[in-house]
Amino acid sequence: MQDALPALVLNSEALPRNAMSEPTPSYSNPAGHGTLGNADVSDEQLMLAFSKGSADSFSELFARYKQPIFGFFRRRVSSRAPSIGMQLRNATINGFRNASESVLGFVLFFAESGPTFLLWLAILLLPARLLWRRYQRAFALRSSLGV
């Protein structure tokens, strides 16, 4: 089974000192701009030099990968505010979603407890309906007699 990779690759003790057959060159930056301008130096060599304490190798790595990493995160973390049309669209969708969830919840409630509800409704409203019909007949009778 393969050995697990070390947790800290930037730590100087994490990588063996003889990882590459070539000796690690000393990276100096005569311009002092943060890039070495040496495109033939590999990233692995720069990482080894950085693990040994070379700040110039980190500057070169940073200069190489600053723009791609920045672009990667910028595409994924968008801070642009949505337009008014998009806000209205989202509000409409959320409104319809909330309304349909409410109707669905109402339907599911009655599907689950509907028979019990209908039983109580019949128990309570049947006498009320009978009383209402008796009242209407009595009122109609009084109106026809002129009382």
C-alpha atoms as a PDB file:
ATOM      1  CA  MET A   1       0.000   0.000   0.000  1.00  0.00           C
ATOM      2  CA  GLN A   2       1.284   3.485  -0.799  1.00  0.00           C
ATOM      3  CA  ASP A   3       2.358   5.784   1.948  1.00  0.00           C
ATOM      4  CA  ALA A   4       0.089   8.738   2.524  1.00  0.00           C
ATOM      5  CA  LEU A   5       1.249  12.121   1.361  1.00  0.00           C
ATOM      6  CA  PRO A   6       2.535  14.418   4.077  1.00  0.00           C
ATOM      7  CA  ALA A   7       0.017  16.849   5.464  1.00  0.00           C
ATOM      8  CA  LEU A   8       2.183  19.931   5.059  1.00  0.00           C
ATOM      9  CA  VAL A   9       3.937  19.972   1.717  1.00  0.00           C
ATOM     10  CA  LEU A  10       5.366  23.415   2.364  1.00  0.00           C
ATOM     11  CA  ASN A  11       7.107  22.228   5.503  1.00  0.00           C
ATOM     12  CA  SER A  12      10.813  21.589   4.916  1.00  0.00           C
ATOM     13  CA  GLU A  13      10.690  18.300   6.849  1.00  0.00           C
ATOM     14  CA  ALA A  14       7.708  17.010   4.836  1.00  0.00           C
ATOM     15  CA  LEU A  15       9.702  16.441   1.641  1.00  0.00           C
ATOM     16  CA  PRO A  16      12.940  14.499   1.477  1.00  0.00           C
ATOM     17  CA  ARG A  17      16.024  16.569   0.741  1.00  0.00           C
ATOM     18  CA  ASN A  18      17.036  14.412  -2.226  1.00  0.00           C
ATOM     19  CA  ALA A  19      13.667  14.474  -4.004  1.00  0.00           C
ATOM     20  CA  MET A  20      15.165  15.586  -7.316  1.00  0.00           C
ATOM     21  CA  SER A  21      18.365  14.441  -8.921  1.00  0.00           C
ATOM     22  CA  GLU A  22      19.426  17.984  -9.765  1.00  0.00           C
ATOM     23  CA  PRO A  23      20.567  20.339  -7.060  1.00  0.00           C
ATOM     24  CA  THR A  24      18.135  23.092  -6.240  1.00  0.00           C
ATOM     25  CA  PRO A  25      19.355  26.300  -7.836  1.00  0.00           C
ATOM     26  CA  SER A  26      19.536  29.500  -5.894  1.00  0.00           C
ATOM     27  CA  TYR A  27      16.818  31.801  -7.122  1.00  0.00           C
ATOM     28  CA  SER A  28      17.733  35.413  -7.147  1.00  0.00           C
ATOM     29  CA  ASN A  29      15.635  38.214  -8.492  1.00  0.00           C
ATOM     30  CA  PRO A  30      17.825  41.020  -9.747  1.00  0.00           C
ATOM     31  CA  ALA A  31      14.851  43.143 -10.832  1.00  0.00           C
ATOM     32  CA  GLY A  32      13.045  42.751  -7.511  1.00  0.00           C
ATOM     33  CA  HIS A  33       9.611  42.652  -9.177  1.00  0.00           C
ATOM     34  CA  GLY A  34       8.461  39.329  -7.768  1.00  0.00           C
ATOM     35  CA  THR A  35       8.980  37.336 -10.970  1.00  0.00           C
ATOM     36  CA  LEU A  36      12.191  35.694 -11.906  1.00  0.00           C
ATOM     37  CA  GLY A  37      11.482  35.678 -15.591  1.00  0.00           C
ATOM     38  CA  ASN A  38      12.936  32.168 -15.752  1.00  0.00           C
ATOM     39  CA  ALA A  39      10.281  30.040 -17.451  1.00  0.00           C
ATOM     40  CA  ASP A  40      12.433  26.903 -17.606  1.00  0.00           C
ATOM     41  CA  VAL A  41      12.393  26.476 -13.802  1.00  0.00           C
ATOM     42  CA  SER A  42       9.699  23.949 -12.927  1.00  0.00           C
ATOM     43  CA  ASP A  43       7.086  24.412 -10.238  1.00  0.00           C
ATOM     44  CA  GLU A  44       8.492  21.444  -8.340  1.00  0.00           C
ATOM     45  CA  GLN A  45      11.916  23.065  -8.168  1.00  0.00           C
ATOM     46  CA  LEU A  46      10.347  26.311  -6.992  1.00  0.00           C
ATOM     47  CA  MET A  47       8.366  24.470  -4.301  1.00  0.00           C
ATOM     48  CA  LEU A  48      11.518  22.719  -3.078  1.00  0.00           C
ATOM     49  CA  ALA A  49      13.351  26.014  -2.948  1.00  0.00           C
ATOM     50  CA  PHE A  50      10.449  27.593  -1.084  1.00  0.00           C
ATOM     51  CA  SER A  51      10.406  24.736   1.416  1.00  0.00           C
ATOM     52  CA  LYS A  52      14.064  25.522   2.083  1.00  0.00           C
ATOM     53  CA  GLY A  53      13.231  29.148   2.777  1.00  0.00           C
ATOM     54  CA  SER A  54      13.610  30.953  -0.543  1.00  0.00           C
ATOM     55  CA  ALA A  55      11.206  33.891  -0.645  1.00  0.00           C
ATOM     56  CA  ASP A  56      11.997  34.562  -4.313  1.00  0.00           C
ATOM     57  CA  SER A  57      10.723  31.135  -5.322  1.00  0.00           C
ATOM     58  CA  PHE A  58       7.427  31.882  -3.582  1.00  0.00           C
ATOM     59  CA  SER A  59       7.250  35.203  -5.419  1.00  0.00           C
ATOM     60  CA  GLU A  60       7.763  33.397  -8.723  1.00  0.00           C
ATOM     61  CA  LEU A  61       5.078  30.811  -7.919  1.00  0.00           C
ATOM     62  CA  PHE A  62       2.727  33.542  -6.778  1.00  0.00           C
ATOM     63  CA  ALA A  63       3.309  35.533  -9.959  1.00  0.00           C
ATOM     64  CA  ARG A  64       2.661  32.427 -12.090  1.00  0.00           C
ATOM     65  CA  TYR A  65      -0.596  31.402 -10.467  1.00  0.00           C
ATOM     66  CA  LYS A  66      -2.057  34.631  -9.067  1.00  0.00           C
ATOM     67  CA  GLN A  67      -4.218  35.421 -12.091  1.00  0.00           C
ATOM     68  CA  PRO A  68      -5.588  31.885 -12.751  1.00  0.00           C
ATOM     69  CA  ILE A  69      -6.495  31.357  -9.092  1.00  0.00           C
ATOM     70  CA  PHE A  70      -8.049  34.812  -8.851  1.00  0.00           C
ATOM     71  CA  GLY A  71     -10.096  34.129 -11.995  1.00  0.00           C
ATOM     72  CA  PHE A  72     -11.182  30.732 -10.665  1.00  0.00           C
ATOM     73  CA  PHE A  73     -12.549  32.199  -7.433  1.00  0.00           C
ATOM     74  CA  ARG A  74     -13.998  35.258  -9.129  1.00  0.00           C
ATOM     75  CA  ARG A  75     -16.089  33.080 -11.435  1.00  0.00           C
ATOM     76  CA  ARG A  76     -17.443  31.092  -8.503  1.00  0.00           C
ATOM     77  CA  VAL A  77     -17.972  33.902  -6.000  1.00  0.00           C
ATOM     78  CA  SER A  78     -19.996  36.424  -7.889  1.00  0.00           C
ATOM     79  CA  SER A  79     -20.742  39.587  -5.972  1.00  0.00           C
ATOM     80  CA  ARG A  80     -22.793  41.226  -8.693  1.00  0.00           C
ATOM     81  CA  ALA A  81     -26.257  42.287  -7.547  1.00  0.00           C
ATOM     82  CA  PRO A  82     -29.109  40.752  -9.534  1.00  0.00           C
ATOM     83  CA  SER A  83     -31.014  43.048 -11.876  1.00  0.00           C
ATOM     84  CA  ILE A  84     -34.524  44.296 -11.146  1.00  0.00           C
ATOM     85  CA  GLY A  85     -35.970  41.884 -13.689  1.00  0.00           C
ATOM     86  CA  MET A  86     -34.157  38.967 -12.067  1.00  0.00           C
ATOM     87  CA  GLN A  87     -35.365  40.059  -8.626  1.00  0.00           C
ATOM     88  CA  LEU A  88     -38.974  40.205  -9.892  1.00  0.00           C
ATOM     89  CA  ARG A  89     -38.590  36.796 -11.521  1.00  0.00           C
ATOM     90  CA  ASN A  90     -37.207  35.320  -8.293  1.00  0.00           C
ATOM     91  CA  ALA A  91     -39.985  36.933  -6.237  1.00  0.00           C
ATOM     92  CA  THR A  92     -42.637  35.553  -8.615  1.00  0.00           C
ATOM     93  CA  ILE A  93     -41.144  32.068  -8.510  1.00  0.00           C
ATOM     94  CA  ASN A  94     -40.898  32.160  -4.710  1.00  0.00           C
ATOM     95  CA  GLY A  95     -44.495  33.392  -4.451  1.00  0.00           C
ATOM     96  CA  PHE A  96     -45.827  30.598  -6.631  1.00  0.00           C
ATOM     97  CA  ARG A  97     -43.671  28.076  -4.778  1.00  0.00           C
ATOM     98  CA  ASN A  98     -45.015  29.254  -1.400  1.00  0.00           C
ATOM     99  CA  ALA A  99     -48.601  29.221  -2.645  1.00  0.00           C
ATOM    100  CA  SER A 100     -48.291  25.729  -4.096  1.00  0.00           C
ATOM    101  CA  GLU A 101     -46.649  24.478  -0.891  1.00  0.00           C
ATOM    102  CA  SER A 102     -49.511  25.971   1.134  1.00  0.00           C
ATOM    103  CA  VAL A 103     -52.157  24.372  -1.069  1.00  0.00           C
ATOM    104  CA  LEU A 104     -50.290  21.088  -1.005  1.00  0.00           C
ATOM    105  CA  GLY A 105     -50.036  21.257   2.790  1.00  0.00           C
ATOM    106  CA  PHE A 106     -53.767  21.969   3.021  1.00  0.00           C
ATOM    107  CA  VAL A 107     -54.597  19.035   0.738  1.00  0.00           C
ATOM    108  CA  LEU A 108     -52.278  16.695   2.625  1.00  0.00           C
ATOM    109  CA  PHE A 109     -53.777  17.801   5.931  1.00  0.00           C
ATOM    110  CA  PHE A 110     -57.280  16.942   4.732  1.00  0.00           C
ATOM    111  CA  ALA A 111     -56.120  13.702   3.156  1.00  0.00           C
ATOM    112  CA  GLU A 112     -54.639  12.681   6.489  1.00  0.00           C
ATOM    113  CA  SER A 113     -57.238  13.972   8.918  1.00  0.00           C
ATOM    114  CA  GLY A 114     -60.150  14.575   6.556  1.00  0.00           C
ATOM    115  CA  PRO A 115     -62.416  11.755   7.712  1.00  0.00           C
ATOM    116  CA  THR A 116     -62.153  12.885  11.332  1.00  0.00           C
ATOM    117  CA  PHE A 117     -62.757  16.479  10.287  1.00  0.00           C
ATOM    118  CA  LEU A 118     -65.806  15.493   8.235  1.00  0.00           C
ATOM    119  CA  LEU A 119     -67.218  13.523  11.154  1.00  0.00           C
ATOM    120  CA  TRP A 120     -66.934  16.507  13.509  1.00  0.00           C
ATOM    121  CA  LEU A 121     -68.321  18.777  10.816  1.00  0.00           C
ATOM    122  CA  ALA A 122     -71.364  16.536  10.439  1.00  0.00           C
ATOM    123  CA  ILE A 123     -71.856  16.315  14.201  1.00  0.00           C
ATOM    124  CA  LEU A 124     -71.710  20.078  14.666  1.00  0.00           C
ATOM    125  CA  LEU A 125     -73.334  21.373  11.481  1.00  0.00           C
ATOM    126  CA  LEU A 126     -76.221  18.939  11.037  1.00  0.00           C
ATOM    127  CA  PRO A 127     -78.091  20.288  14.091  1.00  0.00           C
ATOM    128  CA  ALA A 128     -77.237  23.846  13.075  1.00  0.00           C
ATOM    129  CA  ARG A 129     -78.654  23.220   9.581  1.00  0.00           C
ATOM    130  CA  LEU A 130     -81.812  21.744  11.029  1.00  0.00           C
ATOM    131  CA  LEU A 131     -82.233  24.764  13.328  1.00  0.00           C
ATOM    132  CA  TRP A 132     -81.628  27.133  10.422  1.00  0.00           C
ATOM    133  CA  ARG A 133     -84.257  25.414   8.275  1.00  0.00           C
ATOM    134  CA  ARG A 134     -86.750  25.553  11.189  1.00  0.00           C
ATOM    135  CA  TYR A 135     -86.035  29.293  11.602  1.00  0.00           C
ATOM    136  CA  GLN A 136     -86.532  29.938   7.863  1.00  0.00           C
ATOM    137  CA  ARG A 137     -89.857  28.056   7.873  1.00  0.00           C
ATOM    138  CA  ALA A 138     -91.055  29.982  10.910  1.00  0.00           C
ATOM    139  CA  PHE A 139     -90.004  33.298   9.367  1.00  0.00           C
ATOM    140  CA  ALA A 140     -91.663  32.425   6.071  1.00  0.00           C
ATOM    141  CA  LEU A 141     -94.863  31.421   7.921  1.00  0.00           C
ATOM    142  CA  ARG A 142     -94.923  34.713   9.863  1.00  0.00           C
ATOM    143  CA  SER A 143     -94.341  36.694   6.691  1.00  0.00           C
ATOM    144  CA  SER A 144     -97.169  34.968   4.882  1.00  0.00           C
ATOM    145  CA  LEU A 145     -99.559  35.537   7.806  1.00  0.00           C
ATOM    146  CA  GLY A 146     -98.522  39.166   8.076  1.00  0.00           C
ATOM    147  CA  VAL A 147     -97.434  38.976  11.684  1.00  0.00           C
END
